[in-house]
């Protein structure tokens, strides 16, 4: 297993609440980030681990600092490679799980999902049916967080239509 695959494996465990896995994923992506400076995907995974460290921190200031550092890394990764599907999915997921009352990043998640949907419209093989279903649920959550029910209905209708094709 490569370090990237190992890091991804720990990250998945981290998302499910494994605090030891968060630390291990962060170690792996920190190391990879040092070895492969300028790699957008590594930067995005590193940012995701920072956000998870924030989730698990006990002090409010640490939570906020880790989360902000994670967002900064994810934004940097997008600026390095704005068309990378996996990076867009990582950033959208992090943005949706941060408190919108503090970070106001639901619109960023909506932007990322909208971009991914545009790519899917051009190429129906771009996203799996499972990814499309998850985007449906996550977009609903994002629009609920910013209280835009009309826009949510419109986008969700588009997603349903795409899922049928």
Protein backbone atom coordinates (compact mmCIF):
# COMPACT_ATOMS: atom_id res chain seq x y z
CA UNK A 1 0.00 0.00 0.00
CA UNK A 2 1.39 3.39 -0.95
CA UNK A 3 1.53 6.20 1.59
CA UNK A 4 -1.28 8.00 -0.22
CA UNK A 5 -3.54 4.95 -0.05
CA UNK A 6 -2.61 4.40 3.59
CA UNK A 7 -3.40 8.04 4.36
CA UNK A 8 -6.75 7.76 2.59
CA UNK A 9 -7.54 4.64 4.61
CA UNK A 10 -6.81 6.42 7.87
CA UNK A 11 -8.77 9.45 6.72
CA UNK A 12 -11.86 7.29 6.12
CA UNK A 13 -11.54 5.88 9.63
CA UNK A 14 -11.10 9.44 10.90
CA UNK A 15 -14.35 10.58 9.32
CA UNK A 16 -16.10 7.82 11.26
CA UNK A 17 -14.74 9.26 14.53
CA UNK A 18 -11.49 7.36 15.08
CA UNK A 19 -9.30 9.98 16.80
CA UNK A 20 -6.12 7.90 16.56
CA UNK A 21 -6.69 7.52 12.83
CA UNK A 22 -6.99 11.31 12.50
CA UNK A 23 -3.55 11.76 14.02
CA UNK A 24 -2.04 9.03 11.85
CA UNK A 25 -3.63 10.44 8.68
CA UNK A 26 -2.30 13.87 9.58
CA UNK A 27 1.20 12.46 10.10
CA UNK A 28 1.10 10.70 6.74
CA UNK A 29 -0.17 13.71 4.80
CA UNK A 30 2.22 16.06 6.61
CA UNK A 31 5.09 13.84 5.53
CA UNK A 32 3.81 13.55 1.97
CA UNK A 33 3.27 17.30 1.84
CA UNK A 34 6.91 17.84 2.74
CA UNK A 35 8.09 15.35 0.13
CA UNK A 36 5.77 16.47 -2.65
CA UNK A 37 5.46 20.22 -2.18
CA UNK A 38 3.10 21.62 -4.75
CA UNK A 39 0.96 18.49 -5.09
CA UNK A 40 -2.62 19.76 -4.98
CA UNK A 41 -4.18 16.44 -3.97
CA UNK A 42 -1.77 15.97 -1.06
CA UNK A 43 -2.48 19.56 0.01
CA UNK A 44 -6.22 18.84 -0.03
CA UNK A 45 -5.87 15.69 2.04
CA UNK A 46 -3.61 17.54 4.45
CA UNK A 47 -6.29 20.23 4.80
CA UNK A 48 -8.93 17.60 5.44
CA UNK A 49 -6.87 16.11 8.25
CA UNK A 50 -6.45 19.56 9.82
CA UNK A 51 -10.22 20.05 9.79
CA UNK A 52 -10.65 16.67 11.49
CA UNK A 53 -8.05 17.59 14.11
CA UNK A 54 -10.18 20.67 14.73
CA UNK A 55 -13.27 18.53 15.12
CA UNK A 56 -11.51 16.49 17.80
CA UNK A 57 -9.78 19.37 19.62
CA UNK A 58 -11.05 20.12 23.12
CA UNK A 59 -10.34 23.86 23.27
CA UNK A 60 -12.56 26.12 21.17
CA UNK A 61 -9.65 28.22 19.90
CA UNK A 62 -7.82 25.07 18.75
CA UNK A 63 -10.97 23.86 17.00
CA UNK A 64 -11.27 27.14 15.11
CA UNK A 65 -7.55 27.36 14.30
CA UNK A 66 -7.31 23.81 12.94
CA UNK A 67 -10.51 24.23 10.94
CA UNK A 68 -9.32 27.52 9.43
CA UNK A 69 -5.91 26.05 8.57
CA UNK A 70 -7.69 23.12 6.95
CA UNK A 71 -9.88 25.44 4.88
CA UNK A 72 -6.84 27.45 3.86
CA UNK A 73 -5.09 24.28 2.64
CA UNK A 74 -8.18 23.12 0.77
CA UNK A 75 -8.54 26.52 -0.89
CA UNK A 76 -4.87 26.44 -1.81
CA UNK A 77 -5.34 22.99 -3.35
CA UNK A 78 -8.27 24.28 -5.43
CA UNK A 79 -6.20 27.23 -6.61
CA UNK A 80 -3.45 24.80 -7.64
CA UNK A 81 -5.82 22.47 -9.52
CA UNK A 82 -9.36 23.86 -9.82
CA UNK A 83 -10.58 21.03 -12.05
CA UNK A 84 -9.64 18.11 -9.79
CA UNK A 85 -12.76 16.17 -8.87
CA UNK A 86 -11.41 14.59 -5.69
CA UNK A 87 -10.17 17.92 -4.35
CA UNK A 88 -13.57 19.52 -5.02
CA UNK A 89 -15.29 16.66 -3.20
CA UNK A 90 -12.93 16.93 -0.23
CA UNK A 91 -13.41 20.68 0.12
CA UNK A 92 -17.19 20.47 -0.25
CA UNK A 93 -17.37 17.78 2.42
CA UNK A 94 -15.26 19.75 4.88
CA UNK A 95 -17.24 22.93 4.24
CA UNK A 96 -20.53 21.20 4.93
CA UNK A 97 -19.36 19.79 8.23
CA UNK A 98 -18.03 23.02 9.69
CA UNK A 99 -20.44 25.25 11.61
CA UNK A 100 -21.79 27.64 9.01
CA UNK A 101 -22.62 30.20 11.67
CA UNK A 102 -18.88 30.64 12.19
CA UNK A 103 -17.19 29.74 8.88
CA UNK A 104 -19.94 30.60 6.34
CA UNK A 105 -18.61 28.09 3.84
CA UNK A 106 -21.82 26.35 2.71
CA UNK A 107 -21.73 28.55 -0.43
CA UNK A 108 -18.28 27.13 -1.19
CA UNK A 109 -19.66 23.61 -0.95
CA UNK A 110 -22.50 24.60 -3.26
CA UNK A 111 -19.97 26.08 -5.69
CA UNK A 112 -17.94 22.86 -5.66
CA UNK A 113 -20.96 20.63 -6.14
CA UNK A 114 -22.26 22.89 -8.92
CA UNK A 115 -18.92 22.61 -10.68
CA UNK A 116 -19.00 18.82 -10.36
CA UNK A 117 -22.54 18.70 -11.71
CA UNK A 118 -21.51 20.76 -14.74
CA UNK A 119 -18.74 18.26 -15.42
CA UNK A 120 -21.21 15.41 -15.02
CA UNK A 121 -23.56 17.05 -17.55
CA UNK A 122 -20.68 17.08 -20.04
CA UNK A 123 -19.66 13.51 -19.24
CA UNK A 124 -22.12 11.16 -17.48
CA UNK A 125 -19.22 8.91 -16.48
CA UNK A 126 -17.65 11.72 -14.47
CA UNK A 127 -19.56 10.77 -11.29
CA UNK A 128 -20.84 7.44 -10.07
CA UNK A 129 -24.49 6.96 -9.20
CA UNK A 130 -23.42 6.79 -5.55
CA UNK A 131 -21.57 10.11 -5.81
CA UNK A 132 -24.61 11.67 -7.46
CA UNK A 133 -26.85 10.40 -4.66
CA UNK A 134 -24.48 11.74 -1.99
CA UNK A 135 -24.33 15.11 -3.73
CA UNK A 136 -28.12 15.20 -3.69
CA UNK A 137 -28.12 14.79 0.09
CA UNK A 138 -25.22 17.16 0.71
CA UNK A 139 -26.65 19.91 -1.49
CA UNK A 140 -29.92 19.65 0.39
CA UNK A 141 -27.96 20.14 3.62
CA UNK A 142 -25.95 23.06 2.22
CA UNK A 143 -29.02 24.93 1.02
CA UNK A 144 -30.78 24.26 4.32
CA UNK A 145 -27.83 25.79 6.18
CA UNK A 146 -28.12 29.02 4.22
CA UNK A 147 -31.92 28.91 4.13
CA UNK A 148 -32.36 28.99 0.35
CA UNK A 149 -35.20 26.52 -0.07
CA UNK A 150 -36.23 27.70 -3.58
CA UNK A 151 -32.71 27.25 -4.93
CA UNK A 152 -32.48 23.91 -3.14
CA UNK A 153 -35.64 22.68 -4.85
CA UNK A 154 -34.32 23.74 -8.25
CA UNK A 155 -30.93 22.06 -7.85
CA UNK A 156 -32.41 18.95 -6.31
CA UNK A 157 -34.83 18.64 -9.22
CA UNK A 158 -31.88 18.85 -11.61
CA UNK A 159 -30.09 16.13 -9.66
CA UNK A 160 -33.13 13.87 -9.79
CA UNK A 161 -33.34 14.37 -13.55
CA UNK A 162 -29.64 13.55 -13.95
CA UNK A 163 -29.96 10.45 -11.79
CA UNK A 164 -32.73 9.10 -14.03
CA UNK A 165 -30.63 9.39 -17.20
